[in-house]
Amino acid sequence: MRIRIISLLAVVTLGSILAAAGTIYDNGPQDIYEHYGAQAFYGRFWLSDTFVVSSGTPTITGISIWTWGWPTDHALTAEVTITSEPNGGTVYFDQVVQFNEANCYADGFGFSHCQKTANWTNGPALTSGTYWVTLKNGTVPSGNEFFWDENAGTGCQSPGCPSQAEWNQGTAPSEAFTMMGTSGGNDSKTTPTNPKTSSIFLFGGGFAGLAGMLRRMIG
């Protein structure tokens, strides 16, 4: 199924949910203008992004992402892995986690954009270097589609950014996400201001993205 819909995006605020842990790596804020779209991490779809540990030996304790989905869908769970290669290689962390949500807002057609954060207590202590974080096997109770917002690293401030991204069908623009931990990394982040624009959603084939006209296609 493919759906394209114009939406009006609301002002959102980043950072409040990140207070419990320090920022190890920040790939930049949500793409409020939706230049890049979003990618799925449910079913057969997986999505991997690089992140850099720039100093120290931080223990990774959580991840915060921005998602697109349906306003009735909550209680997102997903498998999070930290590895040396996209969705593979040496495995440093592999756990199914529950995401909490905050800063949700609806676009003009009632779809929901949310900041979703998962924390854990048994994360890996990582030395300086580049790693891959992967989201896969995501589920919501309804079984509906949902997507990880792409920003291509626009506005990122951390050493080593922007992230590179791979998914099960090839390369992709990287996503809006923050890796959190006990120490190390770059705490700076950018908060978008006065975002007012129109955007268009495209759902289908594991992708939600910018389209050129207002229409719905089901097939």
C-alpha atoms as a PDB file:
ATOM      1  CA  MET A   1       0.000   0.000   0.000  1.00  0.00           C
ATOM      2  CA  ARG A   2       1.257   3.465  -0.871  1.00  0.00           C
ATOM      3  CA  ILE A   3      -0.174   6.693   0.537  1.00  0.00           C
ATOM      4  CA  ARG A   4       0.938  10.252  -0.200  1.00  0.00           C
ATOM      5  CA  ILE A   5      -0.418  13.004   2.016  1.00  0.00           C
ATOM      6  CA  ILE A   6       0.378  16.705   2.533  1.00  0.00           C
ATOM      7  CA  SER A   7       0.880  17.518   6.216  1.00  0.00           C
ATOM      8  CA  LEU A   8       1.455  20.642   8.309  1.00  0.00           C
ATOM      9  CA  LEU A   9       4.286  20.163  10.773  1.00  0.00           C
ATOM     10  CA  ALA A  10       4.160  21.654  14.259  1.00  0.00           C
ATOM     11  CA  VAL A  11       6.892  23.139  16.451  1.00  0.00           C
ATOM     12  CA  VAL A  12       8.717  20.503  18.456  1.00  0.00           C
ATOM     13  CA  THR A  13      11.304  20.652  21.213  1.00  0.00           C
ATOM     14  CA  LEU A  14      14.285  18.322  21.518  1.00  0.00           C
ATOM     15  CA  GLY A  15      16.310  17.277  24.497  1.00  0.00           C
ATOM     16  CA  SER A  16      14.060  17.019  27.559  1.00  0.00           C
ATOM     17  CA  ILE A  17      13.965  13.240  27.536  1.00  0.00           C
ATOM     18  CA  LEU A  18      17.758  13.013  27.189  1.00  0.00           C
ATOM     19  CA  ALA A  19      18.490  14.461  30.617  1.00  0.00           C
ATOM     20  CA  ALA A  20      18.934  11.067  32.298  1.00  0.00           C
ATOM     21  CA  ALA A  21      22.182  10.348  30.448  1.00  0.00           C
ATOM     22  CA  GLY A  22      24.943  12.207  28.675  1.00  0.00           C
ATOM     23  CA  THR A  23      25.066  12.486  24.905  1.00  0.00           C
ATOM     24  CA  ILE A  24      27.680  10.239  23.330  1.00  0.00           C
ATOM     25  CA  TYR A  25      26.735  10.968  19.730  1.00  0.00           C
ATOM     26  CA  ASP A  26      24.025  13.163  18.184  1.00  0.00           C
ATOM     27  CA  ASN A  27      23.252  12.907  14.466  1.00  0.00           C
ATOM     28  CA  GLY A  28      21.214  16.087  14.439  1.00  0.00           C
ATOM     29  CA  PRO A  29      17.583  17.057  15.015  1.00  0.00           C
ATOM     30  CA  GLN A  30      14.458  15.781  13.354  1.00  0.00           C
ATOM     31  CA  ASP A  31      14.101  16.859   9.736  1.00  0.00           C
ATOM     32  CA  ILE A  32      11.069  19.072  10.309  1.00  0.00           C
ATOM     33  CA  TYR A  33      10.829  19.915   6.605  1.00  0.00           C
ATOM     34  CA  GLU A  34      10.933  16.221   5.649  1.00  0.00           C
ATOM     35  CA  HIS A  35      13.465  16.608   2.866  1.00  0.00           C
ATOM     36  CA  TYR A  36      14.581  12.990   3.214  1.00  0.00           C
ATOM     37  CA  GLY A  37      11.589  10.955   4.417  1.00  0.00           C
ATOM     38  CA  ALA A  38      11.841   7.963   6.750  1.00  0.00           C
ATOM     39  CA  GLN A  39      12.681   4.268   6.735  1.00  0.00           C
ATOM     40  CA  ALA A  40      10.956   1.239   8.261  1.00  0.00           C
ATOM     41  CA  PHE A  41      12.451  -1.109  10.837  1.00  0.00           C
ATOM     42  CA  TYR A  42       9.604  -3.623  11.164  1.00  0.00           C
ATOM     43  CA  GLY A  43       9.110  -6.985   9.449  1.00  0.00           C
ATOM     44  CA  ARG A  44      11.894  -7.719   6.980  1.00  0.00           C
ATOM     45  CA  PHE A  45      13.285  -4.189   7.225  1.00  0.00           C
ATOM     46  CA  TRP A  46      16.362  -3.264   9.261  1.00  0.00           C
ATOM     47  CA  LEU A  47      18.212   0.037   9.393  1.00  0.00           C
ATOM     48  CA  SER A  48      21.814   0.653  10.510  1.00  0.00           C
ATOM     49  CA  ASP A  49      23.535   3.986  11.231  1.00  0.00           C
ATOM     50  CA  THR A  50      27.108   4.741  12.218  1.00  0.00           C
ATOM     51  CA  PHE A  51      27.978   6.609  15.376  1.00  0.00           C
ATOM     52  CA  VAL A  52      31.368   7.700  16.678  1.00  0.00           C
ATOM     53  CA  VAL A  53      32.801   7.407  20.166  1.00  0.00           C
ATOM     54  CA  SER A  54      35.269  10.272  20.168  1.00  0.00           C
ATOM     55  CA  SER A  55      36.844  10.017  23.614  1.00  0.00           C
ATOM     56  CA  GLY A  56      36.963   8.000  26.800  1.00  0.00           C
ATOM     57  CA  THR A  57      35.298   4.619  27.227  1.00  0.00           C
ATOM     58  CA  PRO A  58      31.607   5.458  27.619  1.00  0.00           C
ATOM     59  CA  THR A  59      29.000   2.882  28.531  1.00  0.00           C
ATOM     60  CA  ILE A  60      26.096   3.103  26.095  1.00  0.00           C
ATOM     61  CA  THR A  61      22.841   3.271  28.034  1.00  0.00           C
ATOM     62  CA  GLY A  62      20.194   4.332  25.521  1.00  0.00           C
ATOM     63  CA  ILE A  63      19.055   5.675  22.185  1.00  0.00           C
ATOM     64  CA  SER A  64      16.578   8.401  21.247  1.00  0.00           C
ATOM     65  CA  ILE A  65      15.006   8.539  17.780  1.00  0.00           C
ATOM     66  CA  TRP A  66      12.230  10.359  15.904  1.00  0.00           C
ATOM     67  CA  THR A  67       9.489   8.264  14.302  1.00  0.00           C
ATOM     68  CA  TRP A  68       6.553   8.653  11.937  1.00  0.00           C
ATOM     69  CA  GLY A  69       3.452   6.589  12.597  1.00  0.00           C
ATOM     70  CA  TRP A  70      -0.194   6.502  13.530  1.00  0.00           C
ATOM     71  CA  PRO A  71      -1.495   8.454  16.544  1.00  0.00           C
ATOM     72  CA  THR A  72      -3.152   5.404  18.125  1.00  0.00           C
ATOM     73  CA  ASP A  73       0.083   3.401  18.129  1.00  0.00           C
ATOM     74  CA  HIS A  74       2.182   3.389  21.290  1.00  0.00           C
ATOM     75  CA  ALA A  75       4.344   0.849  23.158  1.00  0.00           C
ATOM     76  CA  LEU A  76       6.924   0.479  20.411  1.00  0.00           C
ATOM     77  CA  THR A  77       9.448  -2.299  20.933  1.00  0.00           C
ATOM     78  CA  ALA A  78      12.435  -3.079  18.719  1.00  0.00           C
ATOM     79  CA  GLU A  79      15.667  -5.025  18.688  1.00  0.00           C
ATOM     80  CA  VAL A  80      18.661  -2.728  19.080  1.00  0.00           C
ATOM     81  CA  THR A  81      22.129  -3.954  18.166  1.00  0.00           C
ATOM     82  CA  ILE A  82      25.518  -2.251  18.314  1.00  0.00           C
ATOM     83  CA  THR A  83      28.010  -3.890  15.972  1.00  0.00           C
ATOM     84  CA  SER A  84      31.160  -3.354  13.940  1.00  0.00           C
ATOM     85  CA  GLU A  85      29.366  -3.608  10.565  1.00  0.00           C
ATOM     86  CA  PRO A  86      25.879  -2.783   9.254  1.00  0.00           C
ATOM     87  CA  ASN A  87      23.541  -5.302  10.931  1.00  0.00           C
ATOM     88  CA  GLY A  88      26.453  -7.651  11.545  1.00  0.00           C
ATOM     89  CA  GLY A  89      30.108  -8.142  12.329  1.00  0.00           C
ATOM     90  CA  THR A  90      31.269  -8.117  15.946  1.00  0.00           C
ATOM     91  CA  VAL A  91      28.267  -7.762  18.260  1.00  0.00           C
ATOM     92  CA  TYR A  92      28.723  -5.475  21.273  1.00  0.00           C
ATOM     93  CA  PHE A  93      25.043  -5.224  22.244  1.00  0.00           C
ATOM     94  CA  ASP A  94      21.846  -6.989  21.187  1.00  0.00           C
ATOM     95  CA  GLN A  95      18.600  -6.490  23.089  1.00  0.00           C
ATOM     96  CA  VAL A  96      14.870  -6.054  22.512  1.00  0.00           C
ATOM     97  CA  VAL A  97      13.898  -2.781  24.226  1.00  0.00           C
ATOM     98  CA  GLN A  98      10.755  -0.818  25.001  1.00  0.00           C
ATOM     99  CA  PHE A  99      10.579   2.780  23.774  1.00  0.00           C
ATOM    100  CA  ASN A 100       8.930   5.596  25.722  1.00  0.00           C
ATOM    101  CA  GLU A 101       7.567   8.536  23.741  1.00  0.00           C
ATOM    102  CA  ALA A 102       7.422  12.296  24.163  1.00  0.00           C
ATOM    103  CA  ASN A 103       7.012  15.497  22.137  1.00  0.00           C
ATOM    104  CA  CYS A 104       4.404  13.920  19.850  1.00  0.00           C
ATOM    105  CA  TYR A 105       2.522  16.082  17.392  1.00  0.00           C
ATOM    106  CA  ALA A 106       0.080  15.432  14.583  1.00  0.00           C
ATOM    107  CA  ASP A 107       0.526  16.623  11.025  1.00  0.00           C
ATOM    108  CA  GLY A 108      -2.352  18.040   9.011  1.00  0.00           C
ATOM    109  CA  PHE A 109      -3.772  14.603   8.254  1.00  0.00           C
ATOM    110  CA  GLY A 110      -3.543  13.195  11.765  1.00  0.00           C
ATOM    111  CA  PHE A 111      -0.338  11.186  11.471  1.00  0.00           C
ATOM    112  CA  SER A 112       1.906  11.316  14.508  1.00  0.00           C
ATOM    113  CA  HIS A 113       5.575  12.276  14.828  1.00  0.00           C
ATOM    114  CA  CYS A 114       7.168  11.311  18.157  1.00  0.00           C
ATOM    115  CA  GLN A 115      10.511  11.339  19.891  1.00  0.00           C
ATOM    116  CA  LYS A 116      11.003   7.826  21.237  1.00  0.00           C
ATOM    117  CA  THR A 117      13.649   6.819  23.749  1.00  0.00           C
ATOM    118  CA  ALA A 118      14.858   3.493  25.102  1.00  0.00           C
ATOM    119  CA  ASN A 119      17.224   3.002  28.029  1.00  0.00           C
ATOM    120  CA  TRP A 120      19.020  -0.081  29.298  1.00  0.00           C
ATOM    121  CA  THR A 121      21.344  -0.968  32.174  1.00  0.00           C
ATOM    122  CA  ASN A 122      23.663  -3.555  30.628  1.00  0.00           C
ATOM    123  CA  GLY A 123      25.121  -1.560  27.745  1.00  0.00           C
ATOM    124  CA  PRO A 124      28.627  -2.015  26.349  1.00  0.00           C
ATOM    125  CA  ALA A 125      31.641   0.102  27.284  1.00  0.00           C
ATOM    126  CA  LEU A 126      33.092   1.233  23.954  1.00  0.00           C
ATOM    127  CA  THR A 127      36.532   2.562  23.139  1.00  0.00           C
ATOM    128  CA  SER A 128      37.061   5.377  20.635  1.00  0.00           C
ATOM    129  CA  GLY A 129      35.985   4.400  17.143  1.00  0.00           C
ATOM    130  CA  THR A 130      33.084   4.037  14.721  1.00  0.00           C
ATOM    131  CA  TYR A 131      30.208   1.648  15.405  1.00  0.00           C
ATOM    132  CA  TRP A 132      26.878   0.730  13.819  1.00  0.00           C
ATOM    133  CA  VAL A 133      23.564   0.909  15.670  1.00  0.00           C
ATOM    134  CA  THR A 134      20.770  -1.112  14.067  1.00  0.00           C
ATOM    135  CA  LEU A 135      17.020  -1.082  14.667  1.00  0.00           C
ATOM    136  CA  LYS A 136      15.033  -4.103  13.486  1.00  0.00           C
ATOM    137  CA  ASN A 137      12.105  -6.375  14.373  1.00  0.00           C
ATOM    138  CA  GLY A 138      10.117  -3.357  15.531  1.00  0.00           C
ATOM    139  CA  THR A 139       6.513  -3.890  16.604  1.00  0.00           C
ATOM    140  CA  VAL A 140       3.506  -1.959  17.862  1.00  0.00           C
ATOM    141  CA  PRO A 141       0.426  -3.742  19.269  1.00  0.00           C
ATOM    142  CA  SER A 142      -1.735  -2.839  16.243  1.00  0.00           C
ATOM    143  CA  GLY A 143       0.739  -4.225  13.711  1.00  0.00           C
ATOM    144  CA  ASN A 144       0.683  -0.920  11.811  1.00  0.00           C
ATOM    145  CA  GLU A 145       3.568   0.582   9.866  1.00  0.00           C
ATOM    146  CA  PHE A 146       6.023   3.023  11.438  1.00  0.00           C
ATOM    147  CA  PHE A 147       9.248   4.675  10.303  1.00  0.00           C
ATOM    148  CA  TRP A 148      12.517   6.178  11.549  1.00  0.00           C
ATOM    149  CA  ASP A 149      12.903   9.812  10.477  1.00  0.00           C
ATOM    150  CA  GLU A 150      15.761  10.552   8.085  1.00  0.00           C
ATOM    151  CA  ASN A 151      17.760  13.763   8.384  1.00  0.00           C
ATOM    152  CA  ALA A 152      21.001  12.852   6.539  1.00  0.00           C
ATOM    153  CA  GLY A 153      22.874  14.252   9.546  1.00  0.00           C
ATOM    154  CA  THR A 154      21.766  17.821   8.846  1.00  0.00           C
ATOM    155  CA  GLY A 155      22.533  19.975  11.890  1.00  0.00           C
ATOM    156  CA  CYS A 156      24.653  17.334  13.607  1.00  0.00           C
ATOM    157  CA  GLN A 157      27.346  18.602  15.982  1.00  0.00           C
ATOM    158  CA  SER A 158      29.154  15.482  17.199  1.00  0.00           C
ATOM    159  CA  PRO A 159      32.665  14.453  16.124  1.00  0.00           C
ATOM    160  CA  GLY A 160      32.475  12.070  13.179  1.00  0.00           C
ATOM    161  CA  CYS A 161      29.039  13.163  12.011  1.00  0.00           C
ATOM    162  CA  PRO A 162      27.098  12.873   9.799  1.00  0.00           C
ATOM    163  CA  SER A 163      26.268   9.228  10.223  1.00  0.00           C
ATOM    164  CA  GLN A 164      26.327   6.811   7.312  1.00  0.00           C
ATOM    165  CA  ALA A 165      23.326   4.510   6.900  1.00  0.00           C
ATOM    166  CA  GLU A 166      22.524   1.139   5.370  1.00  0.00           C
ATOM    167  CA  TRP A 167      19.296  -0.821   5.228  1.00  0.00           C
ATOM    168  CA  ASN A 168      18.310  -4.201   3.830  1.00  0.00           C
ATOM    169  CA  GLN A 169      17.975  -2.730   0.330  1.00  0.00           C
ATOM    170  CA  GLY A 170      21.155  -0.636   0.197  1.00  0.00           C
ATOM    171  CA  THR A 171      22.377   2.774   1.296  1.00  0.00           C
ATOM    172  CA  ALA A 172      20.051   5.432   2.721  1.00  0.00           C
ATOM    173  CA  PRO A 173      20.221   8.935   4.190  1.00  0.00           C
ATOM    174  CA  SER A 174      21.084   8.664   7.879  1.00  0.00           C
ATOM    175  CA  GLU A 175      18.515   9.081  10.620  1.00  0.00           C
ATOM    176  CA  ALA A 176      17.678  11.502  13.430  1.00  0.00           C
ATOM    177  CA  PHE A 177      19.037   9.839  16.566  1.00  0.00           C
ATOM    178  CA  THR A 178      21.072  10.330  19.722  1.00  0.00           C
ATOM    179  CA  MET A 179      23.194   7.713  21.484  1.00  0.00           C
ATOM    180  CA  MET A 180      23.323   8.189  25.248  1.00  0.00           C
ATOM    181  CA  GLY A 181      25.754   6.958  27.868  1.00  0.00           C
ATOM    182  CA  THR A 182      27.626   7.584  31.066  1.00  0.00           C
ATOM    183  CA  SER A 183      30.502   9.665  29.686  1.00  0.00           C
ATOM    184  CA  GLY A 184      32.384  10.807  26.584  1.00  0.00           C
ATOM    185  CA  GLY A 185      31.180  12.223  23.282  1.00  0.00           C
ATOM    186  CA  ASN A 186      29.829  15.595  22.325  1.00  0.00           C
ATOM    187  CA  ASP A 187      26.938  17.065  24.328  1.00  0.00           C
ATOM    188  CA  SER A 188      26.051  19.761  21.809  1.00  0.00           C
ATOM    189  CA  LYS A 189      22.781  19.520  19.896  1.00  0.00           C
ATOM    190  CA  THR A 190      20.664  21.746  17.711  1.00  0.00           C
ATOM    191  CA  THR A 191      17.002  22.583  18.336  1.00  0.00           C
ATOM    192  CA  PRO A 192      14.927  23.692  15.353  1.00  0.00           C
ATOM    193  CA  THR A 193      12.998  26.939  15.772  1.00  0.00           C
ATOM    194  CA  ASN A 194       9.810  28.246  14.167  1.00  0.00           C
ATOM    195  CA  PRO A 195       9.375  25.347  11.734  1.00  0.00           C
ATOM    196  CA  LYS A 196       6.294  25.896   9.585  1.00  0.00           C
ATOM    197  CA  THR A 197       5.951  24.138   6.302  1.00  0.00           C
ATOM    198  CA  SER A 198       4.045  21.559   4.303  1.00  0.00           C
ATOM    199  CA  SER A 199       5.257  18.012   3.863  1.00  0.00           C
ATOM    200  CA  ILE A 200       4.106  14.948   2.008  1.00  0.00           C
ATOM    201  CA  PHE A 201       4.118  11.361   3.295  1.00  0.00           C
ATOM    202  CA  LEU A 202       4.726   8.259   1.212  1.00  0.00           C
ATOM    203  CA  PHE A 203       4.157   4.892   2.905  1.00  0.00           C
ATOM    204  CA  GLY A 204       5.016   1.631   1.202  1.00  0.00           C
ATOM    205  CA  GLY A 205       7.964  -0.664   0.589  1.00  0.00           C
ATOM    206  CA  GLY A 206       9.382   0.255   3.963  1.00  0.00           C
ATOM    207  CA  PHE A 207       9.771   3.917   3.033  1.00  0.00           C
ATOM    208  CA  ALA A 208       7.975   7.124   3.974  1.00  0.00           C
ATOM    209  CA  GLY A 209       9.080  10.098   1.947  1.00  0.00           C
ATOM    210  CA  LEU A 210       8.605  13.361   0.099  1.00  0.00           C
ATOM    211  CA  ALA A 211       6.275  13.250  -2.908  1.00  0.00           C
ATOM    212  CA  GLY A 212       5.480  15.732  -5.661  1.00  0.00           C
ATOM    213  CA  MET A 213       1.674  15.953  -5.462  1.00  0.00           C
ATOM    214  CA  LEU A 214      -1.285  15.325  -3.198  1.00  0.00           C
ATOM    215  CA  ARG A 215      -2.763  11.927  -3.925  1.00  0.00           C
ATOM    216  CA  ARG A 216      -3.407   8.509  -2.476  1.00  0.00           C
ATOM    217  CA  MET A 217      -2.428   5.337  -4.261  1.00  0.00           C
ATOM    218  CA  ILE A 218      -3.427   1.948  -3.004  1.00  0.00           C
ATOM    219  CA  GLY A 219      -2.102  -1.024  -4.835  1.00  0.00           C
END
